[in-house]
Amino acid sequence: MAEGYARHIYPWLSAALSAIASVFPFSLEEVLVVVIILWMIIYPFLKRRKKKSWRFIVGREVELLAWVYIWFYLGWGLNYFRYDIYWRMEVEPAGYDEQAFRRFLASYTDSLNQSYTAEVKTDPERMRQEIKEIYRQVPSMYGLALPQDYQHPKQVWFNPLYSGVGVLGYMGPFFAESQLNEELLPVQLPFTYAHELSHLLGVSNEAEANYWAYRVCRSSKRPAVRYSAYFGLLPYVLVNASSVLTEEEFREWIKTIRPEVVKDYEYKRMYWNERYSTLLGEVQNKIYNLFLKGNNIPSGRKNYAEVIGILLSLEEK
């Protein structure tokens, strides 16, 4: 049922919701969340002044949350329960193969080094249009909705909060909107945009979203966008390499990466660490981890790094 929803209902529904949202320059998702929170706080005081019972008040608030729950899953959340990318691409998940990973690592490192460019800034509008056009060329068998010209990332009101918890972007399920952190580094922008756009096109799995961001940006004609593809994948390659290689092999591999790339990566870490709140970040991580596990992604936040497994499986195909 979920796959039928993702292929036949969601594309039309998301296009309609995005069309409505596109009229507004701000994020309707944020407005909705703020209104709900304020209503949940103020409503009990208003009703208690009118002598309403707590049972009545709690009942109304539970009813509101139930409608929000239904709206979330009808508007986008059912995509969590569609068939995974392996089923849709007709490939078997690759088992553990150290030699296959080492071959991938060597090939990836060469491509990362070759893709490096010092000029990482690119025209945002042209970049978005090119990425949308590449997504339109994805075969229909993969089950992605088609991006619409009027779908643009929205400005957010609480950007310091997103930076504080390490959120680079998110897809709003209630109005089919994508939001990007306004403090993204230029080298991160294309990959993050392509990642969030994939969610808007019906991808719920974070590893798959990373796969599409990598695949789409790698296909760009713009050097900055291609570099963003390989640079965006680097954190997940590091995670996998650190678990496969010995400590000495890992250090030797790091030495094969261009110094300019390493410098960009270290600057990125420093840049976001300065904005990160450990307390808020840990709370957000735990909540999101539980959310993912409750929505058909048993590995939780570790799912992001599982993009390497997808790439290895496709290599074997």
Protein backbone atom coordinates (compact mmCIF):
# COMPACT_ATOMS: atom_id res chain seq x y z
CA MET A 1 0.00 0.00 0.00
CA ALA A 2 2.77 2.45 0.93
CA GLU A 3 4.54 1.94 -2.41
CA GLY A 4 1.28 2.65 -4.24
CA TYR A 5 0.86 5.81 -2.18
CA ALA A 6 4.45 6.88 -2.93
CA ARG A 7 4.09 6.34 -6.68
CA HIS A 8 0.51 7.36 -7.41
CA ILE A 9 -0.87 9.58 -4.64
CA TYR A 10 2.07 11.40 -3.10
CA PRO A 11 3.37 13.00 -6.36
CA TRP A 12 0.02 14.73 -6.94
CA LEU A 13 -0.53 15.56 -3.29
CA SER A 14 2.95 17.02 -2.79
CA ALA A 15 2.68 19.04 -6.00
CA ALA A 16 -0.60 20.55 -4.77
CA LEU A 17 0.71 21.28 -1.27
CA SER A 18 3.92 22.79 -2.67
CA ALA A 19 1.90 24.98 -5.03
CA ILE A 20 -0.03 26.39 -2.08
CA ALA A 21 3.12 26.84 0.00
CA SER A 22 4.98 28.53 -2.87
CA VAL A 23 2.69 31.56 -2.55
CA PHE A 24 4.28 32.36 0.82
CA PRO A 25 7.95 33.44 1.12
CA PHE A 26 8.22 32.00 4.63
CA SER A 27 7.97 28.44 5.91
CA LEU A 28 4.40 27.34 6.55
CA GLU A 29 5.82 24.37 8.45
CA GLU A 30 7.34 26.66 11.06
CA VAL A 31 4.16 28.71 11.31
CA LEU A 32 2.12 25.56 11.86
CA VAL A 33 4.46 24.22 14.55
CA VAL A 34 4.54 27.56 16.39
CA VAL A 35 0.74 27.89 16.25
CA ILE A 36 0.24 24.35 17.57
CA ILE A 37 2.69 24.85 20.43
CA LEU A 38 1.13 28.18 21.42
CA TRP A 39 -2.36 26.69 21.19
CA MET A 40 -1.37 23.74 23.40
CA ILE A 41 -0.06 26.19 26.01
CA ILE A 42 -2.79 28.86 25.89
CA TYR A 43 -5.88 26.68 25.31
CA PRO A 44 -5.97 25.15 28.83
CA PHE A 45 -5.88 28.61 30.46
CA LEU A 46 -8.70 29.89 28.26
CA LYS A 47 -10.89 26.88 28.92
CA ARG A 48 -10.20 26.78 32.64
CA ARG A 49 -11.42 30.37 32.87
CA LYS A 50 -14.66 29.08 31.35
CA LYS A 51 -14.83 26.32 33.96
CA LYS A 52 -14.13 23.51 31.48
CA SER A 53 -12.88 20.29 33.03
CA TRP A 54 -9.34 19.03 32.56
CA ARG A 55 -10.81 15.94 30.92
CA PHE A 56 -12.44 18.14 28.29
CA ILE A 57 -9.26 20.17 27.76
CA VAL A 58 -6.96 17.17 27.47
CA GLY A 59 -9.45 15.49 25.15
CA ARG A 60 -9.40 18.46 22.76
CA GLU A 61 -5.60 18.64 22.79
CA VAL A 62 -5.29 14.91 22.13
CA GLU A 63 -7.76 15.31 19.27
CA LEU A 64 -5.62 18.06 17.75
CA LEU A 65 -2.46 15.96 18.03
CA ALA A 66 -4.29 13.03 16.44
CA TRP A 67 -5.15 15.17 13.41
CA VAL A 68 -1.54 16.36 13.20
CA TYR A 69 -0.44 12.71 13.30
CA ILE A 70 -2.85 11.80 10.49
CA TRP A 71 -1.82 14.82 8.42
CA PHE A 72 1.86 13.91 8.82
CA TYR A 73 1.42 10.39 7.48
CA LEU A 74 -1.05 11.26 4.73
CA GLY A 75 1.03 14.26 3.64
CA TRP A 76 4.39 12.49 3.51
CA GLY A 77 5.06 10.04 6.35
CA LEU A 78 3.73 6.94 4.55
CA ASN A 79 6.87 7.12 2.42
CA TYR A 80 8.71 5.61 5.40
CA PHE A 81 6.95 2.33 4.69
CA ARG A 82 7.52 2.04 0.95
CA TYR A 83 9.84 -0.56 -0.56
CA ASP A 84 13.51 0.21 -0.07
CA ILE A 85 15.90 1.31 -2.81
CA TYR A 86 17.28 -2.21 -3.23
CA TRP A 87 13.85 -3.54 -4.15
CA ARG A 88 13.14 -0.64 -6.49
CA MET A 89 16.53 -0.94 -8.21
CA GLU A 90 16.29 -4.74 -8.31
CA VAL A 91 19.60 -5.37 -6.54
CA GLU A 92 20.54 -7.40 -3.49
CA PRO A 93 22.15 -5.58 -0.55
CA ALA A 94 25.88 -6.21 -0.64
CA GLY A 95 27.25 -8.34 2.16
CA TYR A 96 30.43 -7.43 4.00
CA ASP A 97 33.34 -7.59 1.56
CA GLU A 98 36.52 -5.87 2.70
CA GLN A 99 38.16 -6.02 -0.71
CA ALA A 100 35.10 -4.51 -2.41
CA PHE A 101 35.17 -1.64 0.09
CA ARG A 102 38.89 -1.08 -0.47
CA ARG A 103 38.31 -0.89 -4.23
CA PHE A 104 35.49 1.58 -3.67
CA LEU A 105 37.67 3.62 -1.31
CA ALA A 106 40.51 3.90 -3.83
CA SER A 107 38.15 4.89 -6.64
CA TYR A 108 36.27 7.38 -4.47
CA THR A 109 39.47 9.01 -3.21
CA ASP A 110 40.76 9.50 -6.75
CA SER A 111 37.45 11.07 -7.80
CA LEU A 112 37.34 13.27 -4.69
CA ASN A 113 40.83 14.59 -5.37
CA GLN A 114 40.10 15.19 -9.05
CA SER A 115 36.83 16.97 -8.30
CA TYR A 116 38.40 19.54 -5.99
CA THR A 117 37.90 23.15 -6.98
CA ALA A 118 38.81 26.27 -5.05
CA GLU A 119 35.79 28.08 -6.50
CA VAL A 120 32.96 26.48 -4.53
CA LYS A 121 30.41 29.25 -4.94
CA THR A 122 27.77 28.74 -7.58
CA ASP A 123 24.63 30.61 -8.60
CA PRO A 124 21.95 29.13 -6.29
CA GLU A 125 19.05 29.43 -8.74
CA ARG A 126 20.93 27.87 -11.64
CA MET A 127 22.26 25.17 -9.35
CA ARG A 128 18.74 24.30 -8.19
CA GLN A 129 17.38 24.23 -11.72
CA GLU A 130 20.17 21.93 -12.91
CA ILE A 131 19.67 19.54 -9.99
CA LYS A 132 15.93 19.45 -10.66
CA GLU A 133 16.59 18.69 -14.32
CA ILE A 134 18.89 15.80 -13.39
CA TYR A 135 16.21 14.43 -11.05
CA ARG A 136 13.70 14.59 -13.91
CA GLN A 137 15.92 12.21 -15.86
CA VAL A 138 15.82 9.51 -13.17
CA PRO A 139 13.95 6.48 -14.60
CA SER A 140 10.38 6.14 -13.34
CA MET A 141 11.06 2.61 -12.06
CA TYR A 142 12.88 4.19 -9.10
CA GLY A 143 9.62 5.74 -7.92
CA LEU A 144 10.59 9.38 -7.39
CA ALA A 145 8.12 12.19 -7.90
CA LEU A 146 9.03 14.85 -10.45
CA PRO A 147 10.33 18.15 -9.05
CA GLN A 148 8.25 21.23 -9.83
CA ASP A 149 9.64 24.59 -10.92
CA TYR A 150 7.81 26.36 -8.09
CA GLN A 151 9.39 24.20 -5.38
CA HIS A 152 12.08 26.30 -3.70
CA PRO A 153 13.76 26.06 -0.28
CA LYS A 154 12.06 28.30 2.25
CA GLN A 155 13.61 30.86 4.56
CA VAL A 156 13.46 29.84 8.21
CA TRP A 157 12.84 31.90 11.33
CA PHE A 158 14.79 29.85 13.85
CA ASN A 159 18.07 29.33 12.03
CA PRO A 160 20.30 29.64 15.14
CA LEU A 161 18.33 26.77 16.67
CA TYR A 162 18.93 24.56 13.61
CA SER A 163 22.65 25.36 13.67
CA GLY A 164 22.72 24.68 17.39
CA VAL A 165 21.42 21.14 16.92
CA GLY A 166 23.40 20.44 13.75
CA VAL A 167 20.48 20.43 11.31
CA LEU A 168 21.56 21.47 7.80
CA GLY A 169 18.10 21.21 6.32
CA TYR A 170 14.80 19.43 6.62
CA MET A 171 11.77 18.51 4.57
CA GLY A 172 8.45 19.77 5.91
CA PRO A 173 5.82 17.02 5.66
CA PHE A 174 2.74 19.16 6.18
CA PHE A 175 3.08 21.51 3.20
CA ALA A 176 5.69 19.69 1.07
CA GLU A 177 8.32 22.35 1.72
CA SER A 178 12.07 22.00 1.97
CA GLN A 179 14.06 24.21 4.31
CA LEU A 180 17.81 24.82 4.25
CA ASN A 181 20.03 26.14 7.00
CA GLU A 182 20.99 29.69 5.98
CA GLU A 183 24.50 29.20 7.38
CA LEU A 184 25.43 26.37 5.03
CA LEU A 185 28.92 26.66 3.61
CA PRO A 186 28.99 27.06 -0.20
CA VAL A 187 30.63 23.65 -0.58
CA GLN A 188 27.74 22.05 1.32
CA LEU A 189 24.88 23.81 -0.42
CA PRO A 190 24.41 21.64 -3.57
CA PHE A 191 24.66 18.30 -1.75
CA THR A 192 22.34 19.41 1.06
CA TYR A 193 19.83 20.87 -1.38
CA ALA A 194 19.80 17.67 -3.46
CA HIS A 195 19.43 15.60 -0.27
CA GLU A 196 16.42 17.58 0.96
CA LEU A 197 14.89 17.66 -2.52
CA SER A 198 15.00 13.86 -2.64
CA HIS A 199 12.89 13.80 0.54
CA LEU A 200 10.42 16.11 -1.19
CA LEU A 201 10.32 13.65 -4.11
CA GLY A 202 9.26 10.77 -1.87
CA VAL A 203 12.51 9.44 -0.37
CA SER A 204 12.30 8.89 3.39
CA ASN A 205 15.41 6.79 4.02
CA GLU A 206 18.39 9.01 4.91
CA ALA A 207 20.94 6.70 3.28
CA GLU A 208 18.94 6.75 0.06
CA ALA A 209 18.64 10.55 0.25
CA ASN A 210 22.43 10.72 0.52
CA TYR A 211 22.73 8.36 -2.43
CA TRP A 212 20.55 10.53 -4.66
CA ALA A 213 22.33 13.71 -3.54
CA TYR A 214 25.67 12.12 -4.43
CA ARG A 215 24.47 10.67 -7.72
CA VAL A 216 22.71 13.83 -8.87
CA CYS A 217 25.44 16.31 -7.88
CA ARG A 218 28.10 14.04 -9.39
CA SER A 219 26.25 14.31 -12.72
CA SER A 220 26.37 18.11 -12.73
CA LYS A 221 28.22 20.11 -15.37
CA ARG A 222 29.31 22.58 -12.69
CA PRO A 223 32.66 21.84 -11.00
CA ALA A 224 31.48 23.27 -7.67
CA VAL A 225 28.45 20.98 -7.64
CA ARG A 226 30.51 17.91 -8.54
CA TYR A 227 32.97 18.69 -5.76
CA SER A 228 30.04 19.08 -3.36
CA ALA A 229 28.94 15.54 -4.30
CA TYR A 230 32.21 13.93 -3.27
CA PHE A 231 32.76 16.28 -0.33
CA GLY A 232 29.24 15.63 0.96
CA LEU A 233 29.89 11.89 0.94
CA LEU A 234 33.22 12.20 2.77
CA PRO A 235 31.88 12.01 6.38
CA TYR A 236 30.17 8.69 5.64
CA VAL A 237 33.25 7.32 3.88
CA LEU A 238 35.30 8.27 6.95
CA VAL A 239 32.90 6.41 9.25
CA ASN A 240 33.08 3.25 7.16
CA ALA A 241 36.82 3.47 6.54
CA SER A 242 37.56 3.83 10.26
CA SER A 243 35.72 0.57 10.94
CA VAL A 244 37.31 -1.42 8.08
CA LEU A 245 40.91 -0.17 8.02
CA THR A 246 43.45 -0.57 10.78
CA GLU A 247 44.51 2.62 12.56
CA GLU A 248 47.73 2.75 10.57
CA GLU A 249 45.93 2.08 7.28
CA PHE A 250 43.40 4.77 8.12
CA ARG A 251 46.13 7.35 8.77
CA GLU A 252 47.90 6.39 5.55
CA TRP A 253 44.66 6.69 3.59
CA ILE A 254 44.01 10.18 4.99
CA LYS A 255 47.41 11.18 3.59
CA THR A 256 46.21 10.28 0.07
CA ILE A 257 43.47 12.92 0.22
CA ARG A 258 44.40 16.29 -1.26
CA PRO A 259 45.54 18.74 1.43
CA GLU A 260 43.04 21.29 0.10
CA VAL A 261 40.18 18.84 0.67
CA VAL A 262 41.39 18.03 4.18
CA LYS A 263 41.60 21.76 4.88
CA ASP A 264 38.02 22.26 3.67
CA TYR A 265 36.84 19.38 5.84
CA GLU A 266 38.62 20.64 8.95
CA TYR A 267 37.26 24.13 8.39
CA LYS A 268 33.74 22.70 8.05
CA ARG A 269 34.09 20.86 11.36
CA MET A 270 35.38 23.97 13.13
CA TYR A 271 32.68 26.14 11.54
CA TRP A 272 29.80 23.98 12.77
CA ASN A 273 31.37 23.17 16.15
CA GLU A 274 31.35 26.89 16.91
CA ARG A 275 27.59 26.95 16.34
CA TYR A 276 26.72 23.62 17.93
CA SER A 277 25.07 23.36 21.35
CA THR A 278 26.03 20.06 22.97
CA LEU A 279 22.94 19.94 25.18
CA LEU A 280 20.43 20.81 22.47
CA GLY A 281 22.24 18.65 19.93
CA GLU A 282 22.18 15.57 22.17
CA VAL A 283 18.47 16.02 22.87
CA GLN A 284 17.71 16.43 19.17
CA ASN A 285 19.86 13.42 18.26
CA LYS A 286 18.08 11.16 20.74
CA ILE A 287 14.62 12.32 19.68
CA TYR A 288 15.37 11.98 15.97
CA ASN A 289 17.02 8.60 16.54
CA LEU A 290 13.85 7.32 18.23
CA PHE A 291 11.70 8.89 15.51
CA LEU A 292 13.60 7.11 12.73
CA LYS A 293 13.53 3.78 14.57
CA GLY A 294 9.78 4.16 15.00
CA ASN A 295 9.33 4.78 11.28
CA ASN A 296 10.80 1.68 9.65
CA ILE A 297 14.48 2.73 9.89
CA PRO A 298 15.82 0.39 12.60
CA SER A 299 19.38 1.76 12.47
CA GLY A 300 18.19 5.24 13.45
CA ARG A 301 20.67 8.05 12.81
CA LYS A 302 23.31 5.52 11.72
CA ASN A 303 21.20 5.20 8.58
CA TYR A 304 22.95 8.25 7.08
CA ALA A 305 26.26 6.36 6.77
CA GLU A 306 24.56 3.34 5.18
CA VAL A 307 24.76 5.16 1.85
CA ILE A 308 28.10 3.39 1.35
CA GLY A 309 26.29 0.04 1.43
CA ILE A 310 23.98 1.26 -1.32
CA LEU A 311 26.92 2.33 -3.46
CA LEU A 312 28.71 -0.99 -2.95
CA SER A 313 25.54 -2.90 -3.87
CA LEU A 314 25.17 -0.93 -7.08
CA GLU A 315 28.84 -1.48 -7.92
CA GLU A 316 28.24 -5.23 -7.75
CA LYS A 317 25.23 -4.86 -10.04
